[in-house]
Amino acid sequence: MSTNNNPPGALEAVKDWLTVVVAVITCITAVIFWVQSSSDAKFEKVESEIRSLKVDIDKIQENNNKILRIIGRLEGKLDN
């Protein structure tokens, strides 16, 4: 005869709690991955807009350099 110190329902209760814990962790993980993947498109859009702005800024700087050179030439001609 073997003696069992655990009540018959104790093992089932532990299984139920473990199942609940695993389900909660899985749910939280799924929500985290969903939030990350849903915002990927927004990040890509912002990154493409930033790239576009960088190109525009480079063009503006190039144009400013040309304008400054022209102003310098005009000032040189006016001094003569």
Protein backbone atom coordinates (compact mmCIF):
# COMPACT_ATOMS: atom_id res chain seq x y z
CA MET A 1 0.00 0.00 0.00
CA SER A 2 1.39 3.41 -0.92
CA THR A 3 0.57 6.58 0.92
CA ASN A 4 -0.20 9.67 -1.06
CA ASN A 5 0.18 12.99 0.82
CA ASN A 6 -1.33 15.07 -1.99
CA PRO A 7 -5.08 15.38 -2.20
CA PRO A 8 -6.50 14.01 -5.48
CA GLY A 9 -7.36 17.46 -6.86
CA ALA A 10 -4.01 19.14 -6.05
CA LEU A 11 -2.30 17.93 -9.21
CA GLU A 12 -5.22 19.10 -11.34
CA ALA A 13 -5.19 22.51 -9.64
CA VAL A 14 -1.46 22.91 -10.38
CA LYS A 15 -2.05 21.93 -14.01
CA ASP A 16 -4.88 24.45 -14.27
CA TRP A 17 -2.73 27.26 -12.83
CA LEU A 18 0.16 26.41 -15.14
CA THR A 19 -2.22 26.44 -18.08
CA VAL A 20 -3.54 29.87 -17.08
CA VAL A 21 0.00 31.25 -16.64
CA VAL A 22 1.11 29.90 -20.02
CA ALA A 23 -2.02 31.30 -21.68
CA VAL A 24 -1.46 34.76 -20.17
CA ILE A 25 2.21 34.79 -21.22
CA THR A 26 1.26 33.68 -24.73
CA CYS A 27 -1.40 36.40 -24.96
CA ILE A 28 1.00 39.12 -23.81
CA THR A 29 3.65 37.92 -26.26
CA ALA A 30 1.13 37.89 -29.11
CA VAL A 31 0.03 41.45 -28.31
CA ILE A 32 3.65 42.65 -28.23
CA PHE A 33 4.43 41.09 -31.61
CA TRP A 34 1.19 42.43 -33.08
CA VAL A 35 1.96 45.98 -31.92
CA GLN A 36 5.49 45.77 -33.32
CA SER A 37 4.36 44.45 -36.69
CA SER A 38 1.46 46.91 -37.00
CA SER A 39 3.77 49.89 -36.58
CA ASP A 40 6.34 48.67 -39.15
CA ALA A 41 4.47 50.33 -42.01
CA LYS A 42 4.37 53.62 -40.13
CA PHE A 43 8.12 53.48 -39.49
CA GLU A 44 8.80 52.72 -43.16
CA LYS A 45 6.68 55.71 -44.21
CA VAL A 46 8.49 58.03 -41.79
CA GLU A 47 11.89 56.71 -42.94
CA SER A 48 11.01 57.32 -46.59
CA GLU A 49 9.86 60.86 -45.77
CA ILE A 50 13.13 61.49 -43.91
CA ARG A 51 15.11 60.25 -46.93
CA SER A 52 13.09 62.57 -49.16
CA LEU A 53 13.75 65.51 -46.82
CA LYS A 54 17.49 64.76 -46.80
CA VAL A 55 17.54 64.87 -50.61
CA ASP A 56 15.65 68.17 -50.56
CA ILE A 57 18.03 69.63 -47.97
CA ASP A 58 21.04 68.60 -50.07
CA LYS A 59 19.52 70.34 -53.12
CA ILE A 60 18.81 73.47 -51.09
CA GLN A 61 22.40 73.54 -49.80
CA GLU A 62 23.73 73.13 -53.33
CA ASN A 63 21.50 75.96 -54.57
CA ASN A 64 22.58 78.16 -51.65
CA ASN A 65 26.22 77.63 -52.58
CA LYS A 66 25.49 78.66 -56.17
CA ILE A 67 23.59 81.74 -54.99
CA LEU A 68 26.43 82.76 -52.68
CA ARG A 69 28.96 82.40 -55.51
CA ILE A 70 26.80 84.58 -57.78
CA ILE A 71 26.42 87.19 -55.03
CA GLY A 72 30.18 87.16 -54.52
CA ARG A 73 30.77 87.77 -58.24
CA LEU A 74 28.23 90.60 -58.28
CA GLU A 75 29.86 92.23 -55.25
CA GLY A 76 33.23 91.92 -56.97
CA LYS A 77 31.90 93.62 -60.09
CA LEU A 78 30.25 96.39 -58.06
CA ASP A 79 33.51 97.13 -56.24
CA ASN A 80 35.29 97.69 -59.57
